[in-house]
Amino acid sequence: MVSDKVTEERLNHYLNLTKMAREKATPIPKEGSPESQQLAVLLRMADDYASDAKHFMDTGDYVRAFGAINYAHAWIDAGVKLRLLDGHGDDELFTLP
C-alpha cells in the first residue's frame, strides 16, 4: 500500500523514531577534540531540525514538519556513519558503517 498523506500519526512516528536515535547514539570522540567539535555542530543541526519539525507540526504545516524531522534523523545517522557517534549496532535506527 502506498501512502501519499502526511498525517499526525505518521509525524509522531518519525518524531519518536528520531528521538530514540538521538538518545541511543553516544559520542565516540574525546571531549575537546576537533572531532567532538565537529560532532557538536552535527548534533546542533539535528536538534534544530527536530525543533523545527515540532514547530511546523504545531502550526499545521505537516509537509515541512515531515521534511524537517527526516533531516534531523539524517544528521544523527551521518554522525553514526562517520563514526562520530556509536549506534550500538542498531541497524533499524541507523545506517551502520
PDB file of N, CA and C in Angstrom:
ATOM      1  N   MET A   1       0.832  -1.177   0.000  1.00  0.00           N
ATOM      2  CA  MET A   1       0.000   0.000   0.000  1.00  0.00           C
ATOM      3  C   MET A   1       0.882   1.248   0.000  1.00  0.00           C
ATOM      4  N   VAL A   2       0.632   2.140  -0.906  1.00  0.00           N
ATOM      5  CA  VAL A   2       1.367   3.391  -0.997  1.00  0.00           C
ATOM      6  C   VAL A   2       0.610   4.456  -0.225  1.00  0.00           C
ATOM      7  N   SER A   3       1.331   5.205   0.586  1.00  0.00           N
ATOM      8  CA  SER A   3       0.707   6.291   1.328  1.00  0.00           C
ATOM      9  C   SER A   3       1.223   7.615   0.793  1.00  0.00           C
ATOM     10  N   ASP A   4       0.307   8.496   0.479  1.00  0.00           N
ATOM     11  CA  ASP A   4       0.704   9.809  -0.029  1.00  0.00           C
ATOM     12  C   ASP A   4       0.217  10.929   0.883  1.00  0.00           C
ATOM     13  N   LYS A   5      -0.038  10.601   2.129  1.00  0.00           N
ATOM     14  CA  LYS A   5      -0.525  11.581   3.097  1.00  0.00           C
ATOM     15  C   LYS A   5       0.438  11.684   4.273  1.00  0.00           C
ATOM     16  N   VAL A   6       0.714  12.908   4.679  1.00  0.00           N
ATOM     17  CA  VAL A   6       1.490  13.148   5.891  1.00  0.00           C
ATOM     18  C   VAL A   6       0.477  13.417   6.992  1.00  0.00           C
ATOM     19  N   THR A   7       0.307  12.422   7.840  1.00  0.00           N
ATOM     20  CA  THR A   7      -0.676  12.527   8.912  1.00  0.00           C
ATOM     21  C   THR A   7       0.007  12.834  10.240  1.00  0.00           C
ATOM     22  N   GLU A   8      -0.786  13.244  11.209  1.00  0.00           N
ATOM     23  CA  GLU A   8      -0.260  13.484  12.544  1.00  0.00           C
ATOM     24  C   GLU A   8       0.350  12.199  13.110  1.00  0.00           C
ATOM     25  N   GLU A   9      -0.296  11.074  12.852  1.00  0.00           N
ATOM     26  CA  GLU A   9       0.209   9.788  13.325  1.00  0.00           C
ATOM     27  C   GLU A   9       1.586   9.488  12.723  1.00  0.00           C
ATOM     28  N   ARG A  10       1.717   9.731  11.439  1.00  0.00           N
ATOM     29  CA  ARG A  10       2.993   9.482  10.763  1.00  0.00           C
ATOM     30  C   ARG A  10       4.085  10.409  11.312  1.00  0.00           C
ATOM     31  N   LEU A  11       3.736  11.678  11.495  1.00  0.00           N
ATOM     32  CA  LEU A  11       4.711  12.624  12.050  1.00  0.00           C
ATOM     33  C   LEU A  11       5.140  12.206  13.449  1.00  0.00           C
ATOM     34  N   ASN A  12       4.193  11.825  14.276  1.00  0.00           N
ATOM     35  CA  ASN A  12       4.542  11.382  15.626  1.00  0.00           C
ATOM     36  C   ASN A  12       5.452  10.167  15.586  1.00  0.00           C
ATOM     37  N   HIS A  13       5.220   9.258  14.637  1.00  0.00           N
ATOM     38  CA  HIS A  13       6.078   8.086  14.490  1.00  0.00           C
ATOM     39  C   HIS A  13       7.527   8.515  14.211  1.00  0.00           C
ATOM     40  N   TYR A  14       7.703   9.418  13.266  1.00  0.00           N
ATOM     41  CA  TYR A  14       9.056   9.832  12.898  1.00  0.00           C
ATOM     42  C   TYR A  14       9.697  10.734  13.950  1.00  0.00           C
ATOM     43  N   LEU A  15       8.905  11.548  14.618  1.00  0.00           N
ATOM     44  CA  LEU A  15       9.443  12.332  15.730  1.00  0.00           C
ATOM     45  C   LEU A  15       9.969  11.400  16.818  1.00  0.00           C
ATOM     46  N   ASN A  16       9.206  10.360  17.121  1.00  0.00           N
ATOM     47  CA  ASN A  16       9.620   9.405  18.148  1.00  0.00           C
ATOM     48  C   ASN A  16      10.847   8.608  17.703  1.00  0.00           C
ATOM     49  N   LEU A  17      10.863   8.196  16.451  1.00  0.00           N
ATOM     50  CA  LEU A  17      11.998   7.445  15.917  1.00  0.00           C
ATOM     51  C   LEU A  17      13.289   8.265  16.023  1.00  0.00           C
ATOM     52  N   THR A  18      13.209   9.524  15.664  1.00  0.00           N
ATOM     53  CA  THR A  18      14.378  10.396  15.725  1.00  0.00           C
ATOM     54  C   THR A  18      14.777  10.659  17.173  1.00  0.00           C
ATOM     55  N   LYS A  19      13.806  10.811  18.052  1.00  0.00           N
ATOM     56  CA  LYS A  19      14.105  10.990  19.480  1.00  0.00           C
ATOM     57  C   LYS A  19      14.847   9.765  20.022  1.00  0.00           C
ATOM     58  N   MET A  20      14.387   8.574  19.646  1.00  0.00           N
ATOM     59  CA  MET A  20      15.054   7.347  20.090  1.00  0.00           C
ATOM     60  C   MET A  20      16.487   7.279  19.550  1.00  0.00           C
ATOM     61  N   ALA A  21      16.669   7.673  18.298  1.00  0.00           N
ATOM     62  CA  ALA A  21      18.007   7.660  17.700  1.00  0.00           C
ATOM     63  C   ALA A  21      18.921   8.645  18.421  1.00  0.00           C
ATOM     64  N   ARG A  22      18.400   9.828  18.714  1.00  0.00           N
ATOM     65  CA  ARG A  22      19.202  10.861  19.399  1.00  0.00           C
ATOM     66  C   ARG A  22      19.620  10.392  20.784  1.00  0.00           C
ATOM     67  N   GLU A  23      18.719   9.697  21.463  1.00  0.00           N
ATOM     68  CA  GLU A  23      19.019   9.205  22.812  1.00  0.00           C
ATOM     69  C   GLU A  23      19.962   8.007  22.797  1.00  0.00           C
ATOM     70  N   LYS A  24      19.874   7.177  21.773  1.00  0.00           N
ATOM     71  CA  LYS A  24      20.677   5.956  21.732  1.00  0.00           C
ATOM     72  C   LYS A  24      22.115   6.206  21.300  1.00  0.00           C
ATOM     73  N   ALA A  25      22.298   7.083  20.335  1.00  0.00           N
ATOM     74  CA  ALA A  25      23.636   7.334  19.794  1.00  0.00           C
ATOM     75  C   ALA A  25      24.491   8.056  20.833  1.00  0.00           C
ATOM     76  N   THR A  26      25.677   7.526  21.052  1.00  0.00           N
ATOM     77  CA  THR A  26      26.570   8.132  22.034  1.00  0.00           C
ATOM     78  C   THR A  26      27.859   8.602  21.365  1.00  0.00           C
ATOM     79  N   PRO A  27      28.409   9.708  21.857  1.00  0.00           N
ATOM     80  CA  PRO A  27      29.628  10.259  21.259  1.00  0.00           C
ATOM     81  C   PRO A  27      30.815   9.306  21.373  1.00  0.00           C
ATOM     82  N   ILE A  28      31.611   9.287  20.328  1.00  0.00           N
ATOM     83  CA  ILE A  28      32.832   8.488  20.307  1.00  0.00           C
ATOM     84  C   ILE A  28      34.068   9.348  20.589  1.00  0.00           C
ATOM     85  N   PRO A  29      34.194  10.537  19.991  1.00  0.00           N
ATOM     86  CA  PRO A  29      35.425  11.323  20.181  1.00  0.00           C
ATOM     87  C   PRO A  29      35.603  11.803  21.618  1.00  0.00           C
ATOM     88  N   LYS A  30      36.864  11.993  21.981  1.00  0.00           N
ATOM     89  CA  LYS A  30      37.162  12.556  23.293  1.00  0.00           C
ATOM     90  C   LYS A  30      36.677  13.995  23.342  1.00  0.00           C
ATOM     91  N   GLU A  31      36.134  14.372  24.499  1.00  0.00           N
ATOM     92  CA  GLU A  31      35.647  15.731  24.666  1.00  0.00           C
ATOM     93  C   GLU A  31      36.797  16.723  24.468  1.00  0.00           C
ATOM     94  N   GLY A  32      36.524  17.775  23.727  1.00  0.00           N
ATOM     95  CA  GLY A  32      37.531  18.796  23.458  1.00  0.00           C
ATOM     96  C   GLY A  32      38.353  18.559  22.203  1.00  0.00           C
ATOM     97  N   SER A  33      38.223  17.382  21.622  1.00  0.00           N
ATOM     98  CA  SER A  33      38.963  17.073  20.398  1.00  0.00           C
ATOM     99  C   SER A  33      38.301  17.771  19.205  1.00  0.00           C
ATOM    100  N   PRO A  34      39.044  17.922  18.104  1.00  0.00           N
ATOM    101  CA  PRO A  34      38.425  18.505  16.906  1.00  0.00           C
ATOM    102  C   PRO A  34      37.200  17.712  16.440  1.00  0.00           C
ATOM    103  N   GLU A  35      37.263  16.388  16.581  1.00  0.00           N
ATOM    104  CA  GLU A  35      36.136  15.556  16.177  1.00  0.00           C
ATOM    105  C   GLU A  35      34.909  15.806  17.058  1.00  0.00           C
ATOM    106  N   SER A  36      35.130  16.058  18.343  1.00  0.00           N
ATOM    107  CA  SER A  36      33.991  16.334  19.226  1.00  0.00           C
ATOM    108  C   SER A  36      33.367  17.682  18.881  1.00  0.00           C
ATOM    109  N   GLN A  37      34.181  18.612  18.411  1.00  0.00           N
ATOM    110  CA  GLN A  37      33.645  19.903  17.977  1.00  0.00           C
ATOM    111  C   GLN A  37      32.812  19.730  16.698  1.00  0.00           C
ATOM    112  N   GLN A  38      33.281  18.877  15.794  1.00  0.00           N
ATOM    113  CA  GLN A  38      32.505  18.577  14.589  1.00  0.00           C
ATOM    114  C   GLN A  38      31.182  17.911  14.966  1.00  0.00           C
ATOM    115  N   LEU A  39      31.245  16.982  15.901  1.00  0.00           N
ATOM    116  CA  LEU A  39      30.043  16.286  16.351  1.00  0.00           C
ATOM    117  C   LEU A  39      29.054  17.267  16.977  1.00  0.00           C
ATOM    118  N   ALA A  40      29.559  18.222  17.732  1.00  0.00           N
ATOM    119  CA  ALA A  40      28.677  19.211  18.353  1.00  0.00           C
ATOM    120  C   ALA A  40      27.895  19.988  17.292  1.00  0.00           C
ATOM    121  N   VAL A  41      28.558  20.337  16.204  1.00  0.00           N
ATOM    122  CA  VAL A  41      27.882  21.041  15.106  1.00  0.00           C
ATOM    123  C   VAL A  41      26.820  20.140  14.497  1.00  0.00           C
ATOM    124  N   LEU A  42      27.172  18.905  14.252  1.00  0.00           N
ATOM    125  CA  LEU A  42      26.256  17.941  13.654  1.00  0.00           C
ATOM    126  C   LEU A  42      25.021  17.737  14.536  1.00  0.00           C
ATOM    127  N   LEU A  43      25.224  17.564  15.822  1.00  0.00           N
ATOM    128  CA  LEU A  43      24.099  17.340  16.733  1.00  0.00           C
ATOM    129  C   LEU A  43      23.247  18.592  16.898  1.00  0.00           C
ATOM    130  N   ARG A  44      23.888  19.753  16.833  1.00  0.00           N
ATOM    131  CA  ARG A  44      23.120  21.007  16.894  1.00  0.00           C
ATOM    132  C   ARG A  44      22.174  21.090  15.692  1.00  0.00           C
ATOM    133  N   MET A  45      22.676  20.698  14.526  1.00  0.00           N
ATOM    134  CA  MET A  45      21.828  20.695  13.333  1.00  0.00           C
ATOM    135  C   MET A  45      20.654  19.731  13.525  1.00  0.00           C
ATOM    136  N   ALA A  46      20.942  18.546  14.048  1.00  0.00           N
ATOM    137  CA  ALA A  46      19.882  17.560  14.286  1.00  0.00           C
ATOM    138  C   ALA A  46      18.834  18.123  15.250  1.00  0.00           C
ATOM    139  N   ASP A  47      19.294  18.717  16.334  1.00  0.00           N
ATOM    140  CA  ASP A  47      18.373  19.260  17.333  1.00  0.00           C
ATOM    141  C   ASP A  47      17.558  20.428  16.772  1.00  0.00           C
ATOM    142  N   ASP A  48      18.212  21.272  15.983  1.00  0.00           N
ATOM    143  CA  ASP A  48      17.498  22.411  15.390  1.00  0.00           C
ATOM    144  C   ASP A  48      16.417  21.938  14.421  1.00  0.00           C
ATOM    145  N   TYR A  49      16.746  20.954  13.589  1.00  0.00           N
ATOM    146  CA  TYR A  49      15.748  20.432  12.657  1.00  0.00           C
ATOM    147  C   TYR A  49      14.608  19.733  13.397  1.00  0.00           C
ATOM    148  N   ALA A  50      14.910  19.015  14.462  1.00  0.00           N
ATOM    149  CA  ALA A  50      13.855  18.366  15.245  1.00  0.00           C
ATOM    150  C   ALA A  50      12.932  19.422  15.864  1.00  0.00           C
ATOM    151  N   SER A  51      13.525  20.500  16.354  1.00  0.00           N
ATOM    152  CA  SER A  51      12.737  21.594  16.912  1.00  0.00           C
ATOM    153  C   SER A  51      11.867  22.238  15.838  1.00  0.00           C
ATOM    154  N   ASP A  52      12.446  22.436  14.664  1.00  0.00           N
ATOM    155  CA  ASP A  52      11.675  22.986  13.546  1.00  0.00           C
ATOM    156  C   ASP A  52      10.500  22.073  13.198  1.00  0.00           C
ATOM    157  N   ALA A  53      10.751  20.777  13.199  1.00  0.00           N
ATOM    158  CA  ALA A  53       9.690  19.817  12.867  1.00  0.00           C
ATOM    159  C   ALA A  53       8.519  19.959  13.839  1.00  0.00           C
ATOM    160  N   LYS A  54       8.828  20.073  15.110  1.00  0.00           N
ATOM    161  CA  LYS A  54       7.767  20.221  16.111  1.00  0.00           C
ATOM    162  C   LYS A  54       7.010  21.533  15.890  1.00  0.00           C
ATOM    163  N   HIS A  55       7.744  22.598  15.592  1.00  0.00           N
ATOM    164  CA  HIS A  55       7.101  23.890  15.335  1.00  0.00           C
ATOM    165  C   HIS A  55       6.167  23.798  14.131  1.00  0.00           C
ATOM    166  N   PHE A  56       6.662  23.235  13.032  1.00  0.00           N
ATOM    167  CA  PHE A  56       5.833  23.109  11.835  1.00  0.00           C
ATOM    168  C   PHE A  56       4.603  22.245  12.100  1.00  0.00           C
ATOM    169  N   MET A  57       4.788  21.185  12.862  1.00  0.00           N
ATOM    170  CA  MET A  57       3.649  20.318  13.176  1.00  0.00           C
ATOM    171  C   MET A  57       2.607  21.092  13.989  1.00  0.00           C
ATOM    172  N   ASP A  58       3.084  21.851  14.972  1.00  0.00           N
ATOM    173  CA  ASP A  58       2.173  22.632  15.818  1.00  0.00           C
ATOM    174  C   ASP A  58       1.393  23.678  15.027  1.00  0.00           C
ATOM    175  N   THR A  59       1.985  24.174  13.943  1.00  0.00           N
ATOM    176  CA  THR A  59       1.300  25.185  13.130  1.00  0.00           C
ATOM    177  C   THR A  59       0.499  24.564  11.992  1.00  0.00           C
ATOM    178  N   GLY A  60       0.486  23.214  11.926  1.00  0.00           N
ATOM    179  CA  GLY A  60      -0.309  22.527  10.925  1.00  0.00           C
ATOM    180  C   GLY A  60       0.387  22.320   9.592  1.00  0.00           C
ATOM    181  N   ASP A  61       1.659  22.676   9.516  1.00  0.00           N
ATOM    182  CA  ASP A  61       2.411  22.512   8.265  1.00  0.00           C
ATOM    183  C   ASP A  61       3.098  21.141   8.288  1.00  0.00           C
ATOM    184  N   TYR A  62       2.316  20.106   8.017  1.00  0.00           N
ATOM    185  CA  TYR A  62       2.800  18.736   8.136  1.00  0.00           C
ATOM    186  C   TYR A  62       3.855  18.381   7.098  1.00  0.00           C
ATOM    187  N   VAL A  63       3.780  18.974   5.932  1.00  0.00           N
ATOM    188  CA  VAL A  63       4.772  18.669   4.895  1.00  0.00           C
ATOM    189  C   VAL A  63       6.155  19.149   5.329  1.00  0.00           C
ATOM    190  N   ARG A  64       6.235  20.396   5.790  1.00  0.00           N
ATOM    191  CA  ARG A  64       7.532  20.908   6.260  1.00  0.00           C
ATOM    192  C   ARG A  64       7.995  20.164   7.510  1.00  0.00           C
ATOM    193  N   ALA A  65       7.072  19.797   8.377  1.00  0.00           N
ATOM    194  CA  ALA A  65       7.430  19.031   9.573  1.00  0.00           C
ATOM    195  C   ALA A  65       8.038  17.691   9.184  1.00  0.00           C
ATOM    196  N   PHE A  66       7.447  17.038   8.197  1.00  0.00           N
ATOM    197  CA  PHE A  66       7.956  15.740   7.744  1.00  0.00           C
ATOM    198  C   PHE A  66       9.359  15.881   7.167  1.00  0.00           C
ATOM    199  N   GLY A  67       9.566  16.911   6.370  1.00  0.00           N
ATOM    200  CA  GLY A  67      10.895  17.152   5.810  1.00  0.00           C
ATOM    201  C   GLY A  67      11.912  17.441   6.898  1.00  0.00           C
ATOM    202  N   ALA A  68      11.544  18.276   7.851  1.00  0.00           N
ATOM    203  CA  ALA A  68      12.484  18.669   8.906  1.00  0.00           C
ATOM    204  C   ALA A  68      12.876  17.487   9.789  1.00  0.00           C
ATOM    205  N   ILE A  69      11.923  16.635  10.142  1.00  0.00           N
ATOM    206  CA  ILE A  69      12.280  15.522  11.022  1.00  0.00           C
ATOM    207  C   ILE A  69      13.152  14.512  10.292  1.00  0.00           C
ATOM    208  N   ASN A  70      12.970  14.388   8.993  1.00  0.00           N
ATOM    209  CA  ASN A  70      13.842  13.495   8.238  1.00  0.00           C
ATOM    210  C   ASN A  70      15.258  14.063   8.130  1.00  0.00           C
ATOM    211  N   TYR A  71      15.377  15.366   7.986  1.00  0.00           N
ATOM    212  CA  TYR A  71      16.697  15.995   8.015  1.00  0.00           C
ATOM    213  C   TYR A  71      17.357  15.776   9.377  1.00  0.00           C
ATOM    214  N   ALA A  72      16.591  15.950  10.450  1.00  0.00           N
ATOM    215  CA  ALA A  72      17.138  15.754  11.793  1.00  0.00           C
ATOM    216  C   ALA A  72      17.715  14.348  11.943  1.00  0.00           C
ATOM    217  N   HIS A  73      16.944  13.364  11.515  1.00  0.00           N
ATOM    218  CA  HIS A  73      17.403  11.981  11.642  1.00  0.00           C
ATOM    219  C   HIS A  73      18.634  11.744  10.768  1.00  0.00           C
ATOM    220  N   ALA A  74      18.655  12.362   9.607  1.00  0.00           N
ATOM    221  CA  ALA A  74      19.797  12.194   8.706  1.00  0.00           C
ATOM    222  C   ALA A  74      21.084  12.736   9.325  1.00  0.00           C
ATOM    223  N   TRP A  75      21.004  13.844  10.054  1.00  0.00           N
ATOM    224  CA  TRP A  75      22.202  14.375  10.717  1.00  0.00           C
ATOM    225  C   TRP A  75      22.719  13.376  11.757  1.00  0.00           C
ATOM    226  N   ILE A  76      21.823  12.783  12.518  1.00  0.00           N
ATOM    227  CA  ILE A  76      22.231  11.787  13.514  1.00  0.00           C
ATOM    228  C   ILE A  76      22.825  10.570  12.816  1.00  0.00           C
ATOM    229  N   ASP A  77      22.162  10.117  11.782  1.00  0.00           N
ATOM    230  CA  ASP A  77      22.639   8.963  11.022  1.00  0.00           C
ATOM    231  C   ASP A  77      24.021   9.235  10.426  1.00  0.00           C
ATOM    232  N   ALA A  78      24.239  10.450   9.951  1.00  0.00           N
ATOM    233  CA  ALA A  78      25.554  10.815   9.405  1.00  0.00           C
ATOM    234  C   ALA A  78      26.624  10.723  10.482  1.00  0.00           C
ATOM    235  N   GLY A  79      26.290  11.120  11.697  1.00  0.00           N
ATOM    236  CA  GLY A  79      27.246  11.013  12.802  1.00  0.00           C
ATOM    237  C   GLY A  79      27.650   9.577  13.067  1.00  0.00           C
ATOM    238  N   VAL A  80      26.692   8.668  12.952  1.00  0.00           N
ATOM    239  CA  VAL A  80      26.997   7.242  13.120  1.00  0.00           C
ATOM    240  C   VAL A  80      27.849   6.758  11.952  1.00  0.00           C
ATOM    241  N   LYS A  81      27.458   7.133  10.760  1.00  0.00           N
ATOM    242  CA  LYS A  81      28.185   6.694   9.556  1.00  0.00           C
ATOM    243  C   LYS A  81      29.630   7.195   9.555  1.00  0.00           C
ATOM    244  N   LEU A  82      29.841   8.404  10.060  1.00  0.00           N
ATOM    245  CA  LEU A  82      31.185   8.989  10.115  1.00  0.00           C
ATOM    246  C   LEU A  82      31.975   8.535  11.339  1.00  0.00           C
ATOM    247  N   ARG A  83      31.352   7.701  12.139  1.00  0.00           N
ATOM    248  CA  ARG A  83      31.961   7.160  13.364  1.00  0.00           C
ATOM    249  C   ARG A  83      32.285   8.243  14.402  1.00  0.00           C
ATOM    250  N   LEU A  84      31.412   9.235  14.431  1.00  0.00           N
ATOM    251  CA  LEU A  84      31.464  10.234  15.491  1.00  0.00           C
ATOM    252  C   LEU A  84      30.483   9.872  16.597  1.00  0.00           C
ATOM    253  N   LEU A  85      29.492   9.046  16.248  1.00  0.00           N
ATOM    254  CA  LEU A  85      28.510   8.532  17.196  1.00  0.00           C
ATOM    255  C   LEU A  85      28.496   7.012  17.125  1.00  0.00           C
ATOM    256  N   ASP A  86      28.298   6.384  18.260  1.00  0.00           N
ATOM    257  CA  ASP A  86      28.151   4.932  18.322  1.00  0.00           C
ATOM    258  C   ASP A  86      26.668   4.602  18.259  1.00  0.00           C
ATOM    259  N   GLY A  87      26.265   3.869  17.237  1.00  0.00           N
ATOM    260  CA  GLY A  87      24.871   3.459  17.080  1.00  0.00           C
ATOM    261  C   GLY A  87      24.547   2.165  17.796  1.00  0.00           C
ATOM    262  N   HIS A  88      25.536   1.595  18.479  1.00  0.00           N
ATOM    263  CA  HIS A  88      25.350   0.389  19.292  1.00  0.00           C
ATOM    264  C   HIS A  88      24.730  -0.760  18.514  1.00  0.00           C
ATOM    265  N   GLY A  89      25.114  -0.870  17.244  1.00  0.00           N
ATOM    266  CA  GLY A  89      24.689  -1.999  16.435  1.00  0.00           C
ATOM    267  C   GLY A  89      23.233  -1.975  15.996  1.00  0.00           C
ATOM    268  N   ASP A  90      22.549  -0.858  16.210  1.00  0.00           N
ATOM    269  CA  ASP A  90      21.128  -0.776  15.877  1.00  0.00           C
ATOM    270  C   ASP A  90      20.955  -0.420  14.399  1.00  0.00           C
ATOM    271  N   ASP A  91      20.684  -1.437  13.598  1.00  0.00           N
ATOM    272  CA  ASP A  91      20.553  -1.207  12.155  1.00  0.00           C
ATOM    273  C   ASP A  91      19.115  -0.855  11.758  1.00  0.00           C
ATOM    274  N   GLU A  92      18.254  -0.636  12.746  1.00  0.00           N
ATOM    275  CA  GLU A  92      16.921  -0.147  12.429  1.00  0.00           C
ATOM    276  C   GLU A  92      16.848   1.371  12.590  1.00  0.00           C
ATOM    277  N   LEU A  93      17.603   1.906  13.527  1.00  0.00           N
ATOM    278  CA  LEU A  93      17.635   3.348  13.720  1.00  0.00           C
ATOM    279  C   LEU A  93      18.698   4.032  12.869  1.00  0.00           C
ATOM    280  N   PHE A  94      19.732   3.281  12.501  1.00  0.00           N
ATOM    281  CA  PHE A  94      20.887   3.883  11.827  1.00  0.00           C
ATOM    282  C   PHE A  94      21.328   3.076  10.609  1.00  0.00           C
ATOM    283  N   THR A  95      21.994   3.781   9.702  1.00  0.00           N
ATOM    284  CA  THR A  95      22.712   3.109   8.612  1.00  0.00           C
ATOM    285  C   THR A  95      24.119   2.884   9.147  1.00  0.00           C
ATOM    286  N   LEU A  96      24.390   1.688   9.541  1.00  0.00           N
ATOM    287  CA  LEU A  96      25.662   1.405  10.202  1.00  0.00           C
ATOM    288  C   LEU A  96      26.801   1.368   9.215  1.00  0.00           C
ATOM    289  N   PRO A  97      27.994   1.746   9.713  1.00  0.00           N
ATOM    290  CA  PRO A  97      29.192   1.713   8.844  1.00  0.00           C
ATOM    291  C   PRO A  97      29.437   0.335   8.251  1.00  0.00           C
TER     292      PRO A  97
END
